[in-house]
């Protein structure tokens, strides 16, 4: 039986900590960006709800607020 190794690709040991830290940092940045996006969407929805709630009842009906019970 013969095993032939033509070329072995490997990452130098000095690059491993840096690349691992870079990936971890990128993951944290993605998580922070997603959290910020969710917060901004929630904040916008809440501002819209407050604006509609402050309108007179006749105008609120035009926007369909509050939603009718569908039980």
PDB file of N, CA and C in Angstrom:
ATOM      1  N   UNK A   1       0.845  -1.170   0.000  1.00  0.00           N
ATOM      2  CA  UNK A   1       0.000   0.000   0.000  1.00  0.00           C
ATOM      3  C   UNK A   1       0.897   1.241   0.000  1.00  0.00           C
ATOM      4  N   UNK A   2       0.553   2.186  -0.877  1.00  0.00           N
ATOM      5  CA  UNK A   2       1.354   3.387  -0.989  1.00  0.00           C
ATOM      6  C   UNK A   2       0.482   4.605  -0.724  1.00  0.00           C
ATOM      7  N   UNK A   3       0.962   5.496   0.107  1.00  0.00           N
ATOM      8  CA  UNK A   3       0.264   6.754   0.389  1.00  0.00           C
ATOM      9  C   UNK A   3       1.108   7.876  -0.180  1.00  0.00           C
ATOM     10  N   UNK A   4       0.491   8.649  -1.052  1.00  0.00           N
ATOM     11  CA  UNK A   4       1.209   9.748  -1.669  1.00  0.00           C
ATOM     12  C   UNK A   4       0.569  11.053  -1.196  1.00  0.00           C
ATOM     13  N   UNK A   5       1.352  11.922  -0.618  1.00  0.00           N
ATOM     14  CA  UNK A   5       0.896  13.248  -0.195  1.00  0.00           C
ATOM     15  C   UNK A   5       1.536  14.240  -1.138  1.00  0.00           C
ATOM     16  N   UNK A   6       0.694  14.904  -1.931  1.00  0.00           N
ATOM     17  CA  UNK A   6       1.249  15.832  -2.900  1.00  0.00           C
ATOM     18  C   UNK A   6       1.503  17.199  -2.279  1.00  0.00           C
ATOM     19  N   UNK A   7       0.520  17.714  -1.594  1.00  0.00           N
ATOM     20  CA  UNK A   7       0.694  19.019  -0.962  1.00  0.00           C
ATOM     21  C   UNK A   7      -0.342  19.141   0.142  1.00  0.00           C
ATOM     22  N   UNK A   8       0.071  19.607   1.257  1.00  0.00           N
ATOM     23  CA  UNK A   8      -0.836  19.746   2.377  1.00  0.00           C
ATOM     24  C   UNK A   8      -1.031  21.227   2.671  1.00  0.00           C
ATOM     25  N   UNK A   9      -2.291  21.660   2.606  1.00  0.00           N
ATOM     26  CA  UNK A   9      -2.620  23.053   2.895  1.00  0.00           C
ATOM     27  C   UNK A   9      -2.864  23.177   4.387  1.00  0.00           C
ATOM     28  N   UNK A  10      -2.200  24.098   4.995  1.00  0.00           N
ATOM     29  CA  UNK A  10      -2.437  24.311   6.415  1.00  0.00           C
ATOM     30  C   UNK A  10      -2.270  25.791   6.720  1.00  0.00           C
ATOM     31  N   UNK A  11      -2.908  26.181   7.767  1.00  0.00           N
ATOM     32  CA  UNK A  11      -2.814  27.562   8.221  1.00  0.00           C
ATOM     33  C   UNK A  11      -1.667  27.634   9.204  1.00  0.00           C
ATOM     34  N   UNK A  12      -0.798  28.597   9.043  1.00  0.00           N
ATOM     35  CA  UNK A  12       0.293  28.723  10.004  1.00  0.00           C
ATOM     36  C   UNK A  12      -0.250  28.937  11.418  1.00  0.00           C
ATOM     37  N   UNK A  13       0.430  28.395  12.374  1.00  0.00           N
ATOM     38  CA  UNK A  13      -0.030  28.467  13.761  1.00  0.00           C
ATOM     39  C   UNK A  13      -0.155  29.912  14.243  1.00  0.00           C
ATOM     40  N   UNK A  14       0.672  30.800  13.724  1.00  0.00           N
ATOM     41  CA  UNK A  14       0.630  32.198  14.158  1.00  0.00           C
ATOM     42  C   UNK A  14      -0.661  32.887  13.714  1.00  0.00           C
ATOM     43  N   UNK A  15      -1.303  32.391  12.660  1.00  0.00           N
ATOM     44  CA  UNK A  15      -2.525  33.016  12.145  1.00  0.00           C
ATOM     45  C   UNK A  15      -3.784  32.541  12.859  1.00  0.00           C
ATOM     46  N   UNK A  16      -3.725  31.410  13.535  1.00  0.00           N
ATOM     47  CA  UNK A  16      -4.924  30.851  14.146  1.00  0.00           C
ATOM     48  C   UNK A  16      -5.577  31.758  15.182  1.00  0.00           C
ATOM     49  N   UNK A  17      -4.871  32.270  16.155  1.00  0.00           N
ATOM     50  CA  UNK A  17      -5.556  33.109  17.145  1.00  0.00           C
ATOM     51  C   UNK A  17      -6.168  34.351  16.517  1.00  0.00           C
ATOM     52  N   UNK A  18      -5.460  34.973  15.587  1.00  0.00           N
ATOM     53  CA  UNK A  18      -5.974  36.184  14.953  1.00  0.00           C
ATOM     54  C   UNK A  18      -7.246  35.885  14.167  1.00  0.00           C
ATOM     55  N   UNK A  19      -7.251  34.807  13.375  1.00  0.00           N
ATOM     56  CA  UNK A  19      -8.424  34.506  12.571  1.00  0.00           C
ATOM     57  C   UNK A  19      -9.589  34.084  13.466  1.00  0.00           C
ATOM     58  N   UNK A  20      -9.314  33.372  14.543  1.00  0.00           N
ATOM     59  CA  UNK A  20     -10.381  32.974  15.462  1.00  0.00           C
ATOM     60  C   UNK A  20     -10.980  34.199  16.139  1.00  0.00           C
ATOM     61  N   UNK A  21     -10.124  35.120  16.533  1.00  0.00           N
ATOM     62  CA  UNK A  21     -10.619  36.348  17.157  1.00  0.00           C
ATOM     63  C   UNK A  21     -11.394  37.199  16.155  1.00  0.00           C
ATOM     64  N   UNK A  22     -10.936  37.231  14.920  1.00  0.00           N
ATOM     65  CA  UNK A  22     -11.628  37.991  13.884  1.00  0.00           C
ATOM     66  C   UNK A  22     -13.021  37.418  13.646  1.00  0.00           C
ATOM     67  N   UNK A  23     -13.120  36.088  13.579  1.00  0.00           N
ATOM     68  CA  UNK A  23     -14.437  35.453  13.391  1.00  0.00           C
ATOM     69  C   UNK A  23     -15.341  35.714  14.585  1.00  0.00           C
ATOM     70  N   UNK A  24     -14.794  35.621  15.790  1.00  0.00           N
ATOM     71  CA  UNK A  24     -15.593  35.870  16.987  1.00  0.00           C
ATOM     72  C   UNK A  24     -16.071  37.318  17.019  1.00  0.00           C
ATOM     73  N   UNK A  25     -15.206  38.244  16.688  1.00  0.00           N
ATOM     74  CA  UNK A  25     -15.574  39.655  16.668  1.00  0.00           C
ATOM     75  C   UNK A  25     -16.633  39.926  15.603  1.00  0.00           C
ATOM     76  N   UNK A  26     -16.496  39.307  14.446  1.00  0.00           N
ATOM     77  CA  UNK A  26     -17.492  39.476  13.391  1.00  0.00           C
ATOM     78  C   UNK A  26     -18.844  38.946  13.850  1.00  0.00           C
ATOM     79  N   UNK A  27     -18.839  37.829  14.558  1.00  0.00           N
ATOM     80  CA  UNK A  27     -20.084  37.278  15.085  1.00  0.00           C
ATOM     81  C   UNK A  27     -20.735  38.210  16.101  1.00  0.00           C
ATOM     82  N   UNK A  28     -19.928  38.801  16.970  1.00  0.00           N
ATOM     83  CA  UNK A  28     -20.458  39.741  17.956  1.00  0.00           C
ATOM     84  C   UNK A  28     -21.007  41.000  17.288  1.00  0.00           C
ATOM     85  N   UNK A  29     -20.332  41.463  16.266  1.00  0.00           N
ATOM     86  CA  UNK A  29     -20.806  42.650  15.547  1.00  0.00           C
ATOM     87  C   UNK A  29     -22.132  42.339  14.850  1.00  0.00           C
ATOM     88  N   UNK A  30     -22.238  41.157  14.233  1.00  0.00           N
ATOM     89  CA  UNK A  30     -23.497  40.758  13.593  1.00  0.00           C
ATOM     90  C   UNK A  30     -24.621  40.677  14.615  1.00  0.00           C
ATOM     91  N   UNK A  31     -24.340  40.121  15.782  1.00  0.00           N
ATOM     92  CA  UNK A  31     -25.344  40.012  16.831  1.00  0.00           C
ATOM     93  C   UNK A  31     -25.791  41.394  17.301  1.00  0.00           C
ATOM     94  N   UNK A  32     -24.837  42.300  17.496  1.00  0.00           N
ATOM     95  CA  UNK A  32     -25.167  43.652  17.929  1.00  0.00           C
ATOM     96  C   UNK A  32     -25.996  44.380  16.860  1.00  0.00           C
ATOM     97  N   UNK A  33     -25.641  44.198  15.607  1.00  0.00           N
ATOM     98  CA  UNK A  33     -26.390  44.847  14.518  1.00  0.00           C
ATOM     99  C   UNK A  33     -27.821  44.309  14.442  1.00  0.00           C
ATOM    100  N   UNK A  34     -27.985  43.004  14.598  1.00  0.00           N
ATOM    101  CA  UNK A  34     -29.323  42.418  14.559  1.00  0.00           C
ATOM    102  C   UNK A  34     -30.156  42.888  15.745  1.00  0.00           C
ATOM    103  N   UNK A  35     -29.536  42.975  16.912  1.00  0.00           N
ATOM    104  CA  UNK A  35     -30.241  43.450  18.104  1.00  0.00           C
ATOM    105  C   UNK A  35     -30.659  44.901  17.938  1.00  0.00           C
ATOM    106  N   UNK A  36     -29.778  45.723  17.401  1.00  0.00           N
ATOM    107  CA  UNK A  36     -30.098  47.122  17.169  1.00  0.00           C
ATOM    108  C   UNK A  36     -31.235  47.258  16.164  1.00  0.00           C
ATOM    109  N   UNK A  37     -31.215  46.456  15.110  1.00  0.00           N
ATOM    110  CA  UNK A  37     -32.284  46.510  14.111  1.00  0.00           C
ATOM    111  C   UNK A  37     -33.632  46.128  14.724  1.00  0.00           C
ATOM    112  N   UNK A  38     -33.648  45.064  15.545  1.00  0.00           N
ATOM    113  CA  UNK A  38     -34.896  44.670  16.213  1.00  0.00           C
ATOM    114  C   UNK A  38     -35.396  45.769  17.128  1.00  0.00           C
ATOM    115  N   UNK A  39     -34.484  46.417  17.876  1.00  0.00           N
ATOM    116  CA  UNK A  39     -34.879  47.499  18.772  1.00  0.00           C
ATOM    117  C   UNK A  39     -35.457  48.673  17.989  1.00  0.00           C
ATOM    118  N   UNK A  40     -34.829  49.042  16.887  1.00  0.00           N
ATOM    119  CA  UNK A  40     -35.320  50.170  16.096  1.00  0.00           C
ATOM    120  C   UNK A  40     -36.693  49.875  15.497  1.00  0.00           C
ATOM    121  N   UNK A  41     -36.911  48.641  15.037  1.00  0.00           N
ATOM    122  CA  UNK A  41     -38.240  48.270  14.512  1.00  0.00           C
ATOM    123  C   UNK A  41     -39.279  48.341  15.618  1.00  0.00           C
ATOM    124  N   UNK A  42     -38.953  47.805  16.787  1.00  0.00           N
ATOM    125  CA  UNK A  42     -39.880  47.850  17.919  1.00  0.00           C
ATOM    126  C   UNK A  42     -40.173  49.296  18.304  1.00  0.00           C
ATOM    127  N   UNK A  43     -39.139  50.108  18.354  1.00  0.00           N
ATOM    128  CA  UNK A  43     -39.302  51.506  18.736  1.00  0.00           C
ATOM    129  C   UNK A  43     -40.215  52.240  17.754  1.00  0.00           C
ATOM    130  N   UNK A  44     -40.051  51.978  16.472  1.00  0.00           N
ATOM    131  CA  UNK A  44     -40.889  52.611  15.455  1.00  0.00           C
ATOM    132  C   UNK A  44     -42.337  52.156  15.585  1.00  0.00           C
ATOM    133  N   UNK A  45     -42.546  50.835  15.791  1.00  0.00           N
ATOM    134  CA  UNK A  45     -43.919  50.333  15.981  1.00  0.00           C
ATOM    135  C   UNK A  45     -44.560  50.965  17.210  1.00  0.00           C
ATOM    136  N   UNK A  46     -43.810  51.077  18.293  1.00  0.00           N
ATOM    137  CA  UNK A  46     -44.337  51.654  19.530  1.00  0.00           C
ATOM    138  C   UNK A  46     -44.679  53.130  19.327  1.00  0.00           C
ATOM    139  N   UNK A  47     -43.851  53.875  18.615  1.00  0.00           N
ATOM    140  CA  UNK A  47     -44.128  55.285  18.340  1.00  0.00           C
ATOM    141  C   UNK A  47     -45.401  55.423  17.502  1.00  0.00           C
ATOM    142  N   UNK A  48     -45.580  54.535  16.535  1.00  0.00           N
ATOM    143  CA  UNK A  48     -46.789  54.564  15.714  1.00  0.00           C
ATOM    144  C   UNK A  48     -48.019  54.263  16.560  1.00  0.00           C
ATOM    145  N   UNK A  49     -47.915  53.260  17.435  1.00  0.00           N
ATOM    146  CA  UNK A  49     -49.044  52.927  18.312  1.00  0.00           C
ATOM    147  C   UNK A  49     -49.400  54.094  19.225  1.00  0.00           C
ATOM    148  N   UNK A  50     -48.390  54.757  19.771  1.00  0.00           N
ATOM    149  CA  UNK A  50     -48.652  55.916  20.642  1.00  0.00           C
ATOM    150  C   UNK A  50     -49.307  57.045  19.862  1.00  0.00           C
ATOM    151  N   UNK A  51     -48.864  57.276  18.632  1.00  0.00           N
ATOM    152  CA  UNK A  51     -49.449  58.347  17.815  1.00  0.00           C
ATOM    153  C   UNK A  51     -50.908  58.054  17.508  1.00  0.00           C
ATOM    154  N   UNK A  52     -51.212  56.818  17.145  1.00  0.00           N
ATOM    155  CA  UNK A  52     -52.595  56.457  16.846  1.00  0.00           C
ATOM    156  C   UNK A  52     -53.447  56.519  18.109  1.00  0.00           C
ATOM    157  N   UNK A  53     -52.896  56.087  19.242  1.00  0.00           N
ATOM    158  CA  UNK A  53     -53.646  56.104  20.505  1.00  0.00           C
ATOM    159  C   UNK A  53     -53.983  57.527  20.937  1.00  0.00           C
ATOM    160  N   UNK A  54     -53.164  58.489  20.552  1.00  0.00           N
ATOM    161  CA  UNK A  54     -53.415  59.871  20.968  1.00  0.00           C
ATOM    162  C   UNK A  54     -54.435  60.583  20.069  1.00  0.00           C
ATOM    163  N   UNK A  55     -54.838  59.947  18.978  1.00  0.00           N
ATOM    164  CA  UNK A  55     -55.809  60.557  18.062  1.00  0.00           C
ATOM    165  C   UNK A  55     -57.225  60.444  18.628  1.00  0.00           C
ATOM    166  N   UNK A  56     -58.123  61.299  18.160  1.00  0.00           N
ATOM    167  CA  UNK A  56     -59.524  61.174  18.573  1.00  0.00           C
ATOM    168  C   UNK A  56     -60.105  59.837  18.096  1.00  0.00           C
ATOM    169  N   UNK A  57     -61.111  59.320  18.825  1.00  0.00           N
ATOM    170  CA  UNK A  57     -61.672  58.008  18.470  1.00  0.00           C
ATOM    171  C   UNK A  57     -62.151  57.916  17.021  1.00  0.00           C
ATOM    172  N   UNK A  58     -62.709  58.981  16.479  1.00  0.00           N
ATOM    173  CA  UNK A  58     -63.175  58.935  15.095  1.00  0.00           C
ATOM    174  C   UNK A  58     -62.045  58.685  14.108  1.00  0.00           C
ATOM    175  N   UNK A  59     -60.904  59.280  14.366  1.00  0.00           N
ATOM    176  CA  UNK A  59     -59.752  59.074  13.473  1.00  0.00           C
ATOM    177  C   UNK A  59     -59.152  57.686  13.675  1.00  0.00           C
ATOM    178  N   UNK A  60     -59.151  57.214  14.927  1.00  0.00           N
ATOM    179  CA  UNK A  60     -58.593  55.891  15.189  1.00  0.00           C
ATOM    180  C   UNK A  60     -59.358  54.820  14.430  1.00  0.00           C
ATOM    181  N   UNK A  61     -60.679  54.990  14.314  1.00  0.00           N
ATOM    182  CA  UNK A  61     -61.471  54.011  13.581  1.00  0.00           C
ATOM    183  C   UNK A  61     -61.017  53.926  12.134  1.00  0.00           C
ATOM    184  N   UNK A  62     -60.615  55.048  11.556  1.00  0.00           N
ATOM    185  CA  UNK A  62     -60.154  55.048  10.170  1.00  0.00           C
ATOM    186  C   UNK A  62     -58.905  54.192   9.993  1.00  0.00           C
ATOM    187  N   UNK A  63     -58.077  54.111  11.037  1.00  0.00           N
ATOM    188  CA  UNK A  63     -56.851  53.306  10.986  1.00  0.00           C
ATOM    189  C   UNK A  63     -57.096  51.878  11.459  1.00  0.00           C
ATOM    190  N   UNK A  64     -58.323  51.579  11.898  1.00  0.00           N
ATOM    191  CA  UNK A  64     -58.618  50.231  12.373  1.00  0.00           C
ATOM    192  C   UNK A  64     -58.015  49.942  13.722  1.00  0.00           C
ATOM    193  N   UNK A  65     -57.945  50.969  14.589  1.00  0.00           N
ATOM    194  CA  UNK A  65     -57.355  50.775  15.903  1.00  0.00           C
ATOM    195  C   UNK A  65     -58.365  51.138  16.970  1.00  0.00           C
ATOM    196  N   UNK A  66     -58.546  50.430  17.991  1.00  0.00           N
ATOM    197  CA  UNK A  66     -57.950  49.115  18.241  1.00  0.00           C
ATOM    198  C   UNK A  66     -58.593  48.062  17.365  1.00  0.00           C
ATOM    199  N   UNK A  67     -57.876  47.010  17.121  1.00  0.00           N
ATOM    200  CA  UNK A  67     -58.381  45.941  16.256  1.00  0.00           C
ATOM    201  C   UNK A  67     -59.605  45.302  16.918  1.00  0.00           C
ATOM    202  N   UNK A  68     -60.611  44.964  16.129  1.00  0.00           N
ATOM    203  CA  UNK A  68     -61.802  44.338  16.717  1.00  0.00           C
ATOM    204  C   UNK A  68     -61.481  42.923  17.205  1.00  0.00           C
ATOM    205  N   UNK A  69     -62.199  42.506  18.254  1.00  0.00           N
ATOM    206  CA  UNK A  69     -62.049  41.135  18.739  1.00  0.00           C
ATOM    207  C   UNK A  69     -62.603  40.174  17.701  1.00  0.00           C
ATOM    208  N   UNK A  70     -61.879  39.137  17.427  1.00  0.00           N
ATOM    209  CA  UNK A  70     -62.324  38.137  16.453  1.00  0.00           C
ATOM    210  C   UNK A  70     -62.398  36.781  17.127  1.00  0.00           C
ATOM    211  N   UNK A  71     -63.074  36.736  18.246  1.00  0.00           N
ATOM    212  CA  UNK A  71     -63.162  35.470  18.979  1.00  0.00           C
ATOM    213  C   UNK A  71     -64.271  34.621  18.474  1.00  0.00           C
TER     214      UNK A  71
END
